[in-house]
């Protein structure tokens, strides 16, 4: 099995990075297999719900997700 290791340094406060990563529409910029994010909604607890489409192993999948804090 092939293994790829990559490390980056992000010069930003952790809370700013977390706020970026928790928002589903931002994941399109950092998750290569993610193709589409729709119906993104902020939840009362501060998390998000959304529908997304991603491609993995040549198969396209759709999912409804909740990202909770």
N, C-alpha and C. Protein backbone atom coordinates (compact mmCIF):
# COMPACT_ATOMS: atom_id res chain seq x y z
N UNK A 1 0.84 -1.18 0.00
CA UNK A 1 0.00 0.00 0.00
C UNK A 1 0.89 1.25 0.00
N UNK A 2 0.54 2.20 -0.83
CA UNK A 2 1.28 3.45 -0.90
C UNK A 2 0.95 4.33 0.29
N UNK A 3 1.94 4.99 0.80
CA UNK A 3 1.74 5.91 1.92
C UNK A 3 2.32 7.27 1.53
N UNK A 4 1.54 8.29 1.78
CA UNK A 4 1.97 9.65 1.49
C UNK A 4 1.88 10.45 2.78
N UNK A 5 2.96 11.07 3.16
CA UNK A 5 2.98 11.94 4.33
C UNK A 5 3.23 13.36 3.87
N UNK A 6 2.46 14.28 4.39
CA UNK A 6 2.64 15.67 4.04
C UNK A 6 2.39 16.51 5.28
N UNK A 7 3.19 17.51 5.45
CA UNK A 7 3.07 18.37 6.61
C UNK A 7 3.12 19.81 6.12
N UNK A 8 2.24 20.65 6.67
CA UNK A 8 2.27 22.07 6.35
C UNK A 8 2.21 22.88 7.64
N UNK A 9 2.66 24.10 7.56
CA UNK A 9 2.57 25.02 8.69
C UNK A 9 1.61 26.12 8.29
N UNK A 10 0.60 26.36 9.12
CA UNK A 10 -0.37 27.43 8.88
C UNK A 10 -0.14 28.48 9.96
N UNK A 11 0.24 29.65 9.53
CA UNK A 11 0.54 30.74 10.45
C UNK A 11 -0.75 31.48 10.81
N UNK A 12 -1.54 30.85 11.67
CA UNK A 12 -2.82 31.43 12.10
C UNK A 12 -3.19 30.82 13.45
N UNK A 13 -4.00 31.53 14.22
CA UNK A 13 -4.45 30.97 15.50
C UNK A 13 -5.32 29.72 15.28
N UNK A 14 -5.24 28.80 16.21
CA UNK A 14 -5.98 27.53 16.10
C UNK A 14 -7.47 27.77 15.94
N UNK A 15 -8.05 28.71 16.69
CA UNK A 15 -9.49 28.95 16.59
C UNK A 15 -9.90 29.45 15.21
N UNK A 16 -9.05 30.22 14.56
CA UNK A 16 -9.35 30.69 13.20
C UNK A 16 -9.32 29.53 12.21
N UNK A 17 -8.35 28.64 12.37
CA UNK A 17 -8.27 27.45 11.51
C UNK A 17 -9.49 26.56 11.73
N UNK A 18 -9.85 26.33 12.98
CA UNK A 18 -11.01 25.50 13.30
C UNK A 18 -12.29 26.07 12.69
N UNK A 19 -12.48 27.39 12.83
CA UNK A 19 -13.67 28.04 12.26
C UNK A 19 -13.73 27.85 10.75
N UNK A 20 -12.58 27.81 10.09
CA UNK A 20 -12.54 27.58 8.65
C UNK A 20 -12.90 26.13 8.32
N UNK A 21 -12.30 25.19 9.02
CA UNK A 21 -12.47 23.77 8.70
C UNK A 21 -13.86 23.25 9.06
N UNK A 22 -14.51 23.79 10.06
CA UNK A 22 -15.82 23.30 10.48
C UNK A 22 -16.93 23.67 9.48
N UNK A 23 -16.70 24.69 8.65
CA UNK A 23 -17.72 25.13 7.69
C UNK A 23 -17.62 24.27 6.42
N UNK A 24 -18.68 23.49 6.11
CA UNK A 24 -18.61 22.55 5.00
C UNK A 24 -18.20 23.15 3.66
N UNK A 25 -18.67 24.33 3.32
CA UNK A 25 -18.33 24.91 2.01
C UNK A 25 -16.84 25.21 1.89
N UNK A 26 -16.14 25.42 2.99
CA UNK A 26 -14.70 25.64 2.94
C UNK A 26 -13.92 24.36 2.63
N UNK A 27 -14.51 23.22 2.93
CA UNK A 27 -13.82 21.95 2.70
C UNK A 27 -13.52 21.71 1.22
N UNK A 28 -14.29 22.36 0.34
CA UNK A 28 -14.02 22.23 -1.10
C UNK A 28 -12.60 22.69 -1.45
N UNK A 29 -12.06 23.59 -0.65
CA UNK A 29 -10.72 24.12 -0.92
C UNK A 29 -9.60 23.20 -0.45
N UNK A 30 -9.90 22.26 0.46
CA UNK A 30 -8.83 21.45 1.04
C UNK A 30 -9.04 19.94 0.90
N UNK A 31 -10.21 19.51 0.46
CA UNK A 31 -10.53 18.08 0.35
C UNK A 31 -10.69 17.75 -1.13
N UNK A 32 -9.67 17.20 -1.78
CA UNK A 32 -9.70 17.00 -3.23
C UNK A 32 -10.87 16.14 -3.74
N UNK A 33 -11.33 15.18 -2.97
CA UNK A 33 -12.40 14.31 -3.46
C UNK A 33 -13.80 14.90 -3.27
N UNK A 34 -13.90 15.99 -2.54
CA UNK A 34 -15.20 16.64 -2.33
C UNK A 34 -15.55 17.46 -3.56
N UNK A 35 -16.72 17.20 -4.14
CA UNK A 35 -17.10 17.83 -5.40
C UNK A 35 -18.11 18.95 -5.24
N UNK A 36 -19.00 18.83 -4.25
CA UNK A 36 -20.10 19.80 -4.13
C UNK A 36 -20.61 19.83 -2.70
N UNK A 37 -20.97 21.01 -2.23
CA UNK A 37 -21.62 21.20 -0.93
C UNK A 37 -22.88 22.01 -1.16
N UNK A 38 -24.02 21.50 -0.67
CA UNK A 38 -25.30 22.20 -0.83
C UNK A 38 -26.03 22.25 0.51
N UNK A 39 -26.99 23.15 0.58
CA UNK A 39 -27.89 23.26 1.74
C UNK A 39 -27.14 23.40 3.06
N UNK A 40 -26.07 24.16 3.06
CA UNK A 40 -25.31 24.39 4.30
C UNK A 40 -26.14 25.25 5.25
N UNK A 41 -26.29 24.76 6.48
CA UNK A 41 -27.07 25.50 7.48
C UNK A 41 -26.32 25.50 8.80
N UNK A 42 -26.30 26.66 9.44
CA UNK A 42 -25.73 26.79 10.77
C UNK A 42 -26.72 26.20 11.77
N UNK A 43 -26.25 25.30 12.63
CA UNK A 43 -27.10 24.68 13.65
C UNK A 43 -27.13 25.54 14.91
N UNK A 44 -28.15 25.39 15.73
CA UNK A 44 -28.26 26.18 16.96
C UNK A 44 -27.05 26.05 17.89
N UNK A 45 -26.38 24.89 17.88
CA UNK A 45 -25.22 24.68 18.76
C UNK A 45 -23.92 25.23 18.18
N UNK A 46 -23.99 25.80 16.96
CA UNK A 46 -22.80 26.35 16.32
C UNK A 46 -22.19 25.45 15.28
N UNK A 47 -22.64 24.22 15.16
CA UNK A 47 -22.15 23.32 14.12
C UNK A 47 -22.86 23.59 12.80
N UNK A 48 -22.70 22.69 11.84
CA UNK A 48 -23.32 22.85 10.53
C UNK A 48 -23.95 21.55 10.08
N UNK A 49 -24.99 21.67 9.26
CA UNK A 49 -25.50 20.53 8.50
C UNK A 49 -25.37 20.90 7.03
N UNK A 50 -25.21 19.88 6.20
CA UNK A 50 -25.06 20.12 4.76
C UNK A 50 -25.26 18.80 4.01
N UNK A 51 -25.41 18.93 2.73
CA UNK A 51 -25.38 17.78 1.83
C UNK A 51 -24.14 17.96 0.97
N UNK A 52 -23.42 16.84 0.75
CA UNK A 52 -22.26 16.97 -0.12
C UNK A 52 -22.14 15.78 -1.04
N UNK A 53 -21.39 15.99 -2.11
CA UNK A 53 -21.11 14.96 -3.10
C UNK A 53 -19.60 14.81 -3.16
N UNK A 54 -19.14 13.57 -3.10
CA UNK A 54 -17.70 13.33 -3.19
C UNK A 54 -17.42 12.11 -4.05
N UNK A 55 -16.20 12.06 -4.53
CA UNK A 55 -15.78 10.96 -5.40
C UNK A 55 -14.63 10.24 -4.73
N UNK A 56 -14.80 8.94 -4.54
CA UNK A 56 -13.76 8.14 -3.91
C UNK A 56 -13.65 6.81 -4.66
N UNK A 57 -12.46 6.49 -5.09
CA UNK A 57 -12.26 5.24 -5.81
C UNK A 57 -13.05 5.17 -7.10
N UNK A 58 -13.31 6.31 -7.72
CA UNK A 58 -14.06 6.35 -8.97
C UNK A 58 -15.57 6.33 -8.79
N UNK A 59 -16.04 6.20 -7.56
CA UNK A 59 -17.47 6.17 -7.27
C UNK A 59 -17.93 7.51 -6.71
N UNK A 60 -19.05 7.99 -7.20
CA UNK A 60 -19.61 9.24 -6.69
C UNK A 60 -20.64 8.91 -5.62
N UNK A 61 -20.51 9.54 -4.48
CA UNK A 61 -21.42 9.30 -3.34
C UNK A 61 -22.01 10.62 -2.88
N UNK A 62 -23.20 10.53 -2.34
CA UNK A 62 -23.87 11.69 -1.76
C UNK A 62 -24.11 11.41 -0.29
N UNK A 63 -23.99 12.45 0.52
CA UNK A 63 -24.18 12.27 1.96
C UNK A 63 -24.82 13.50 2.57
N UNK A 64 -25.57 13.28 3.60
CA UNK A 64 -26.08 14.37 4.44
C UNK A 64 -25.25 14.31 5.71
N UNK A 65 -24.65 15.41 6.10
CA UNK A 65 -23.71 15.42 7.23
C UNK A 65 -24.10 16.46 8.26
N UNK A 66 -23.69 16.22 9.48
CA UNK A 66 -23.77 17.20 10.56
C UNK A 66 -22.38 17.30 11.17
N UNK A 67 -21.83 18.49 11.17
CA UNK A 67 -20.54 18.74 11.80
C UNK A 67 -20.84 19.43 13.11
N UNK A 68 -20.60 18.73 14.19
CA UNK A 68 -20.96 19.23 15.51
C UNK A 68 -19.74 19.75 16.24
N UNK A 69 -19.98 20.74 17.07
CA UNK A 69 -18.90 21.33 17.87
C UNK A 69 -18.86 20.63 19.21
